[in-house]
N, C-alpha and C. Protein backbone atom coordinates (compact mmCIF):
# COMPACT_ATOMS: atom_id res chain seq x y z
N MET A 1 276.00 209.59 187.21
CA MET A 1 274.87 209.89 188.05
C MET A 1 274.67 208.78 189.07
N ASP A 2 274.15 209.18 190.18
CA ASP A 2 273.92 208.24 191.27
C ASP A 2 272.62 207.45 191.00
N ASP A 3 272.55 206.22 191.52
CA ASP A 3 271.36 205.39 191.33
C ASP A 3 270.12 205.98 191.99
N ARG A 4 270.32 206.79 193.02
CA ARG A 4 269.17 207.42 193.69
C ARG A 4 268.43 208.33 192.72
N TYR A 5 269.17 209.06 191.91
CA TYR A 5 268.53 209.97 190.96
C TYR A 5 267.80 209.20 189.86
N LEU A 6 268.41 208.12 189.41
CA LEU A 6 267.76 207.32 188.38
C LEU A 6 266.46 206.69 188.89
N ASP A 7 266.47 206.22 190.14
CA ASP A 7 265.24 205.68 190.73
C ASP A 7 264.17 206.75 190.84
N PHE A 8 264.59 207.95 191.21
CA PHE A 8 263.64 209.06 191.34
C PHE A 8 262.97 209.35 190.00
N PHE A 9 263.78 209.42 188.93
CA PHE A 9 263.23 209.72 187.61
C PHE A 9 262.39 208.57 187.07
N ASP A 10 262.76 207.35 187.41
CA ASP A 10 261.94 206.20 187.00
C ASP A 10 260.56 206.26 187.65
N ASP A 11 260.53 206.63 188.93
CA ASP A 11 259.25 206.76 189.63
C ASP A 11 258.40 207.89 189.02
N MET A 12 259.05 208.98 188.66
CA MET A 12 258.32 210.10 188.06
C MET A 12 257.71 209.72 186.71
N THR A 13 258.46 208.98 185.90
CA THR A 13 257.93 208.64 184.58
C THR A 13 256.80 207.61 184.67
N LYS A 14 256.79 206.80 185.72
CA LYS A 14 255.70 205.83 185.88
C LYS A 14 254.37 206.53 186.15
N LYS A 15 254.42 207.70 186.79
CA LYS A 15 253.20 208.44 187.06
C LYS A 15 252.54 208.92 185.78
N TYR A 16 253.33 209.17 184.76
CA TYR A 16 252.80 209.73 183.52
C TYR A 16 252.83 208.72 182.38
N ASP A 17 252.73 207.46 182.70
CA ASP A 17 252.69 206.41 181.69
C ASP A 17 251.25 206.26 181.19
N TYR A 18 250.99 206.76 180.01
CA TYR A 18 249.63 206.75 179.48
C TYR A 18 249.30 205.49 178.71
N LYS A 19 250.22 204.57 178.60
CA LYS A 19 249.96 203.33 177.88
C LYS A 19 249.07 202.39 178.67
N SER A 20 249.00 202.56 179.96
CA SER A 20 248.20 201.66 180.79
C SER A 20 246.81 202.23 181.05
N ILE A 21 246.14 202.65 179.99
CA ILE A 21 244.77 203.15 180.11
C ILE A 21 243.85 201.96 180.32
N PRO A 22 242.98 202.00 181.33
CA PRO A 22 242.11 200.85 181.58
C PRO A 22 241.18 200.59 180.41
N PRO A 23 240.88 199.32 180.14
CA PRO A 23 239.99 199.00 179.02
C PRO A 23 238.57 199.46 179.29
N ARG A 24 237.81 199.65 178.22
CA ARG A 24 236.42 200.06 178.35
C ARG A 24 235.59 198.92 178.90
N SER A 25 234.51 199.27 179.51
CA SER A 25 233.59 198.29 180.05
C SER A 25 232.97 197.49 178.90
N PRO A 26 232.75 196.19 179.07
CA PRO A 26 232.13 195.41 178.00
C PRO A 26 230.68 195.82 177.74
N TYR A 27 230.08 196.55 178.66
CA TYR A 27 228.68 196.96 178.51
C TYR A 27 228.54 198.29 177.80
N GLY A 28 229.62 198.96 177.52
CA GLY A 28 229.55 200.29 176.93
C GLY A 28 229.69 201.33 178.02
N SER A 29 229.47 202.55 177.67
CA SER A 29 229.64 203.61 178.65
C SER A 29 228.28 204.23 179.00
N ARG A 30 228.23 204.82 180.17
CA ARG A 30 227.00 205.47 180.61
C ARG A 30 226.68 206.66 179.71
N GLY A 31 227.72 207.30 179.19
CA GLY A 31 227.50 208.43 178.29
C GLY A 31 226.79 208.01 177.02
N LYS A 32 227.16 206.85 176.50
CA LYS A 32 226.49 206.35 175.29
C LYS A 32 225.04 206.01 175.59
N PHE A 33 224.79 205.39 176.74
CA PHE A 33 223.42 205.06 177.13
C PHE A 33 222.60 206.34 177.23
N SER A 34 223.16 207.36 177.84
CA SER A 34 222.46 208.63 178.01
C SER A 34 222.19 209.29 176.66
N ARG A 35 223.15 209.24 175.75
CA ARG A 35 222.99 209.86 174.44
C ARG A 35 221.88 209.16 173.65
N VAL A 36 221.89 207.84 173.66
CA VAL A 36 220.87 207.09 172.92
C VAL A 36 219.49 207.33 173.55
N HIS A 37 219.43 207.42 174.87
CA HIS A 37 218.16 207.69 175.56
C HIS A 37 217.61 209.05 175.13
N ARG A 38 218.48 210.07 175.10
CA ARG A 38 218.03 211.40 174.66
C ARG A 38 217.56 211.37 173.21
N GLU A 39 218.30 210.66 172.36
CA GLU A 39 217.93 210.58 170.95
C GLU A 39 216.58 209.89 170.78
N LEU A 40 216.33 208.85 171.55
CA LEU A 40 215.04 208.16 171.48
C LEU A 40 213.91 209.07 171.93
N ARG A 41 214.16 209.87 172.96
CA ARG A 41 213.12 210.81 173.40
C ARG A 41 212.81 211.84 172.32
N VAL A 42 213.83 212.28 171.59
CA VAL A 42 213.61 213.22 170.49
C VAL A 42 212.79 212.57 169.38
N VAL A 43 213.09 211.32 169.05
CA VAL A 43 212.33 210.61 168.02
C VAL A 43 210.88 210.46 168.46
N LEU A 44 210.65 210.15 169.73
CA LEU A 44 209.26 210.02 170.21
C LEU A 44 208.53 211.36 170.17
N GLU A 45 209.24 212.46 170.42
CA GLU A 45 208.62 213.77 170.30
C GLU A 45 208.23 214.05 168.85
N CYS A 46 209.09 213.65 167.91
CA CYS A 46 208.76 213.82 166.49
C CYS A 46 207.55 212.97 166.11
N ILE A 47 207.49 211.75 166.63
CA ILE A 47 206.34 210.89 166.36
C ILE A 47 205.08 211.53 166.91
N THR A 48 205.17 212.13 168.09
CA THR A 48 204.01 212.80 168.68
C THR A 48 203.55 213.96 167.81
N LYS A 49 204.50 214.76 167.32
CA LYS A 49 204.14 215.92 166.51
C LYS A 49 203.57 215.51 165.15
N GLU A 50 204.09 214.42 164.60
CA GLU A 50 203.68 214.02 163.25
C GLU A 50 202.44 213.13 163.24
N SER A 51 202.01 212.67 164.40
CA SER A 51 200.81 211.84 164.46
C SER A 51 199.60 212.75 164.65
N GLY A 52 198.55 212.40 163.96
CA GLY A 52 197.34 213.20 164.06
C GLY A 52 196.14 212.34 164.39
N PHE A 53 194.96 212.86 164.07
CA PHE A 53 193.73 212.17 164.39
C PHE A 53 193.64 210.83 163.65
N ASN A 54 193.82 210.83 162.36
CA ASN A 54 193.74 209.59 161.57
C ASN A 54 195.05 209.28 160.86
N THR A 55 196.14 209.87 161.29
CA THR A 55 197.41 209.67 160.62
C THR A 55 198.47 209.22 161.62
N ASN A 56 199.42 208.48 161.10
CA ASN A 56 200.56 208.07 161.90
C ASN A 56 201.81 208.78 161.39
N ALA A 57 202.83 208.75 162.19
CA ALA A 57 204.10 209.29 161.76
C ALA A 57 204.67 208.39 160.65
N PRO A 58 205.63 208.89 159.88
CA PRO A 58 206.21 208.06 158.81
C PRO A 58 206.87 206.80 159.37
N PRO A 59 206.88 205.73 158.58
CA PRO A 59 207.49 204.47 159.03
C PRO A 59 208.98 204.60 159.38
N THR A 60 209.65 205.58 158.78
CA THR A 60 211.08 205.74 159.08
C THR A 60 211.29 206.14 160.54
N ARG A 61 210.34 206.89 161.10
CA ARG A 61 210.46 207.27 162.53
C ARG A 61 210.37 206.03 163.42
N TYR A 62 209.44 205.16 163.08
CA TYR A 62 209.28 203.94 163.88
C TYR A 62 210.49 203.02 163.71
N LYS A 63 211.04 202.99 162.52
CA LYS A 63 212.24 202.19 162.28
C LYS A 63 213.40 202.70 163.12
N LYS A 64 213.56 204.02 163.15
CA LYS A 64 214.63 204.62 163.96
C LYS A 64 214.39 204.35 165.44
N ALA A 65 213.15 204.41 165.88
CA ALA A 65 212.83 204.13 167.29
C ALA A 65 213.18 202.68 167.63
N ARG A 66 212.89 201.74 166.72
CA ARG A 66 213.25 200.32 166.96
C ARG A 66 214.76 200.16 167.12
N GLU A 67 215.52 200.83 166.24
CA GLU A 67 216.98 200.74 166.31
C GLU A 67 217.49 201.30 167.64
N LEU A 68 216.92 202.41 168.07
CA LEU A 68 217.36 203.01 169.33
C LEU A 68 216.96 202.16 170.53
N PHE A 69 215.78 201.55 170.50
CA PHE A 69 215.39 200.63 171.57
C PHE A 69 216.37 199.46 171.65
N ASP A 70 216.74 198.91 170.48
CA ASP A 70 217.70 197.81 170.46
C ASP A 70 219.04 198.23 171.04
N GLU A 71 219.49 199.41 170.67
CA GLU A 71 220.78 199.91 171.17
C GLU A 71 220.74 200.14 172.67
N LEU A 72 219.63 200.66 173.17
CA LEU A 72 219.50 200.86 174.61
C LEU A 72 219.51 199.54 175.36
N GLU A 73 218.81 198.55 174.83
CA GLU A 73 218.76 197.25 175.49
C GLU A 73 220.12 196.56 175.48
N GLU A 74 220.93 196.81 174.45
CA GLU A 74 222.27 196.24 174.41
C GLU A 74 223.17 196.86 175.49
N ASN A 75 222.95 198.12 175.80
CA ASN A 75 223.80 198.85 176.74
C ASN A 75 223.17 199.01 178.12
N LEU A 76 222.25 198.15 178.48
CA LEU A 76 221.60 198.27 179.79
C LEU A 76 222.58 198.15 180.95
N GLY A 77 223.64 197.39 180.77
CA GLY A 77 224.61 197.21 181.85
C GLY A 77 225.32 198.50 182.24
N ALA A 78 225.33 199.49 181.36
CA ALA A 78 225.99 200.75 181.65
C ALA A 78 225.07 201.73 182.39
N SER A 79 223.82 201.39 182.56
CA SER A 79 222.89 202.31 183.22
C SER A 79 222.97 202.14 184.74
N ARG A 80 222.32 203.05 185.45
CA ARG A 80 222.37 203.02 186.92
C ARG A 80 221.64 201.83 187.51
N ASP A 81 220.46 201.52 187.00
CA ASP A 81 219.66 200.42 187.53
C ASP A 81 219.18 199.56 186.36
N PRO A 82 219.99 198.58 185.93
CA PRO A 82 219.66 197.80 184.73
C PRO A 82 218.33 197.06 184.81
N GLU A 83 217.96 196.52 185.97
CA GLU A 83 216.71 195.77 186.07
C GLU A 83 215.50 196.67 185.89
N HIS A 84 215.50 197.79 186.58
CA HIS A 84 214.40 198.75 186.47
C HIS A 84 214.30 199.28 185.04
N ASN A 85 215.46 199.62 184.47
CA ASN A 85 215.46 200.16 183.11
C ASN A 85 215.00 199.13 182.09
N ALA A 86 215.33 197.87 182.31
CA ALA A 86 214.87 196.82 181.39
C ALA A 86 213.35 196.73 181.40
N ARG A 87 212.76 196.81 182.59
CA ARG A 87 211.29 196.77 182.68
C ARG A 87 210.66 197.98 181.98
N MET A 88 211.22 199.16 182.22
CA MET A 88 210.67 200.37 181.63
C MET A 88 210.82 200.38 180.10
N LEU A 89 211.97 199.91 179.61
CA LEU A 89 212.17 199.87 178.16
C LEU A 89 211.25 198.86 177.49
N LYS A 90 211.05 197.73 178.16
CA LYS A 90 210.14 196.71 177.61
C LYS A 90 208.72 197.26 177.55
N ARG A 91 208.33 197.96 178.60
CA ARG A 91 206.98 198.54 178.64
C ARG A 91 206.83 199.66 177.60
N ALA A 92 207.86 200.50 177.47
CA ALA A 92 207.81 201.59 176.49
C ALA A 92 207.76 201.03 175.07
N ARG A 93 208.54 199.99 174.81
CA ARG A 93 208.51 199.36 173.48
C ARG A 93 207.12 198.79 173.19
N TRP A 94 206.53 198.13 174.18
CA TRP A 94 205.20 197.56 174.00
C TRP A 94 204.18 198.67 173.75
N CYS A 95 204.26 199.74 174.51
CA CYS A 95 203.30 200.85 174.35
C CYS A 95 203.40 201.46 172.95
N LEU A 96 204.62 201.59 172.45
CA LEU A 96 204.78 202.25 171.16
C LEU A 96 204.41 201.36 169.99
N PHE A 97 204.85 200.11 170.01
CA PHE A 97 204.70 199.27 168.82
C PHE A 97 203.48 198.34 168.87
N GLN A 98 202.96 198.03 170.04
CA GLN A 98 201.80 197.15 170.13
C GLN A 98 200.53 197.94 170.41
N LYS A 99 200.64 198.86 171.35
CA LYS A 99 199.47 199.64 171.76
C LYS A 99 199.32 200.91 170.93
N PHE A 100 200.39 201.33 170.23
CA PHE A 100 200.41 202.55 169.43
C PHE A 100 200.09 203.79 170.26
N ASP A 101 200.59 203.80 171.48
CA ASP A 101 200.39 204.94 172.38
C ASP A 101 201.75 205.59 172.64
N HIS A 102 202.08 206.58 171.82
CA HIS A 102 203.39 207.22 171.94
C HIS A 102 203.49 208.07 173.20
N MET A 103 202.38 208.56 173.71
CA MET A 103 202.43 209.37 174.93
C MET A 103 202.82 208.51 176.14
N GLU A 104 202.25 207.34 176.24
CA GLU A 104 202.60 206.45 177.36
C GLU A 104 204.04 205.95 177.22
N ALA A 105 204.47 205.74 175.98
CA ALA A 105 205.86 205.34 175.76
C ALA A 105 206.82 206.43 176.24
N ARG A 106 206.46 207.68 175.99
CA ARG A 106 207.30 208.80 176.48
C ARG A 106 207.33 208.83 178.00
N GLU A 107 206.18 208.58 178.63
CA GLU A 107 206.14 208.56 180.10
C GLU A 107 207.04 207.44 180.65
N CYS A 108 207.03 206.30 180.01
CA CYS A 108 207.88 205.19 180.46
C CYS A 108 209.36 205.54 180.30
N LEU A 109 209.69 206.23 179.21
CA LEU A 109 211.09 206.62 178.99
C LEU A 109 211.56 207.65 180.01
N GLU A 110 210.64 208.47 180.51
CA GLU A 110 211.01 209.45 181.53
C GLU A 110 211.37 208.77 182.84
N GLU A 111 210.86 207.55 183.06
CA GLU A 111 211.16 206.82 184.30
C GLU A 111 212.47 206.03 184.22
N VAL A 112 213.08 205.97 183.04
CA VAL A 112 214.36 205.26 182.90
C VAL A 112 215.44 206.04 183.62
N LEU A 113 216.20 205.36 184.45
CA LEU A 113 217.28 206.00 185.20
C LEU A 113 218.55 205.99 184.37
N VAL A 114 218.97 207.15 183.94
CA VAL A 114 220.16 207.26 183.07
C VAL A 114 221.41 207.29 183.88
């Protein structure tokens, strides 16, 4: 075979070399940030439904919300606007755990840019 053909086939195989997949971002992926954000919103909806006049939601809900807040803060670099989202998450965390206002925490989470 001629060297021209071998060069042609070498070029073709380089196009389909799947070993050179780019590494993942050190901040995580935007999809993970979005998934955790949705999951946190669901947990806050459950807290809203389970809270009443003189009752709070079970402590396990608040524990799960803390874990999700931590996970979101770890992956802030993968979001569209990390600075804005950091402010909103800090405010939402404060509203939920210090002020015990789950409705305001939900409003803050709606302002997070996913």
